[in-house]
Amino acid sequence: MQLLIVWIGAACLWAQMSLDEAMDLAAKGKFAQAEQALLALEKAQPGDAEVQYRLGLILLRNGKVKEASTRLE
């Protein structure tokens, strides 16, 4: 049971690091790479509201208004 809790905690930490890394890419102006990172993260965590929101913002920045709107609704 403890191993499962550690594994879940590590998975959450990995996901947060990935979100932080994607936002770091965006901060450096690498919006296409940030979009790809967030799309991968969205696939891994489809119900994560923060991933959806940040992906929506990046998509909007990249001119993909329709795709962005579905994530920002």
Protein backbone atom coordinates (compact mmCIF):
# COMPACT_ATOMS: atom_id res chain seq x y z
CA MET A 1 0.00 0.00 0.00
CA GLN A 2 2.80 2.41 0.85
CA LEU A 3 4.46 1.69 -2.47
CA LEU A 4 1.25 2.65 -4.28
CA ILE A 5 1.06 5.93 -2.36
CA VAL A 6 4.69 6.71 -3.20
CA TRP A 7 4.09 5.88 -6.87
CA ILE A 8 1.00 8.12 -7.03
CA GLY A 9 2.91 10.94 -5.36
CA ALA A 10 5.78 10.55 -7.82
CA ALA A 11 3.35 10.58 -10.76
CA CYS A 12 1.77 13.80 -9.49
CA LEU A 13 5.20 15.37 -9.05
CA TRP A 14 6.21 14.31 -12.58
CA ALA A 15 3.03 15.83 -14.01
CA GLN A 16 3.60 19.10 -12.18
CA MET A 17 7.19 19.21 -13.37
CA SER A 18 5.98 18.66 -16.91
CA LEU A 19 3.48 21.49 -16.56
CA ASP A 20 6.21 23.71 -15.14
CA GLU A 21 8.52 22.73 -18.00
CA ALA A 22 5.83 23.52 -20.58
CA MET A 23 5.27 26.93 -19.02
CA ASP A 24 9.02 27.50 -18.98
CA LEU A 25 9.09 26.81 -22.72
CA ALA A 26 6.31 29.34 -23.23
CA ALA A 27 8.15 31.90 -21.11
CA LYS A 28 11.16 31.44 -23.39
CA GLY A 29 8.99 32.09 -26.46
CA LYS A 30 8.99 28.45 -27.57
CA PHE A 31 5.22 28.33 -28.01
CA ALA A 32 5.08 25.43 -30.48
CA GLN A 33 7.13 23.25 -28.12
CA ALA A 34 5.01 24.34 -25.16
CA GLU A 35 1.89 23.38 -27.11
CA GLN A 36 3.28 19.92 -27.85
CA ALA A 37 4.26 19.39 -24.22
CA LEU A 38 0.82 20.45 -23.01
CA LEU A 39 -0.93 18.26 -25.57
CA ALA A 40 1.03 15.27 -24.27
CA LEU A 41 0.19 16.23 -20.70
CA GLU A 42 -3.48 16.63 -21.63
CA LYS A 43 -3.46 13.12 -23.08
CA ALA A 44 -1.94 11.75 -19.87
CA GLN A 45 -4.32 13.73 -17.62
CA PRO A 46 -7.48 14.51 -19.59
CA GLY A 47 -9.42 15.85 -16.59
CA ASP A 48 -6.80 18.27 -15.27
CA ALA A 49 -8.36 21.74 -15.37
CA GLU A 50 -5.05 23.57 -15.04
CA VAL A 51 -3.57 21.70 -18.00
CA GLN A 52 -6.70 22.50 -20.03
CA TYR A 53 -6.52 26.18 -19.11
CA ARG A 54 -2.84 26.60 -19.86
CA LEU A 55 -3.13 24.62 -23.10
CA GLY A 56 -6.05 26.84 -24.09
CA LEU A 57 -3.94 29.95 -23.54
CA ILE A 58 -1.05 28.56 -25.58
CA LEU A 59 -3.38 27.48 -28.38
CA LEU A 60 -4.91 30.96 -28.40
CA ARG A 61 -1.41 32.46 -28.56
CA ASN A 62 -0.62 30.14 -31.47
CA GLY A 63 -3.68 31.35 -33.39
CA LYS A 64 -5.75 28.20 -32.88
CA VAL A 65 -8.85 29.94 -31.61
CA LYS A 66 -11.37 27.11 -32.11
CA GLU A 67 -9.15 24.55 -30.37
CA ALA A 68 -8.43 27.03 -27.58
CA SER A 69 -12.09 27.82 -26.98
CA THR A 70 -12.98 24.19 -26.26
CA ARG A 71 -10.38 24.13 -23.49
CA LEU A 72 -11.23 27.55 -22.07
CA GLU A 73 -15.02 27.03 -21.82
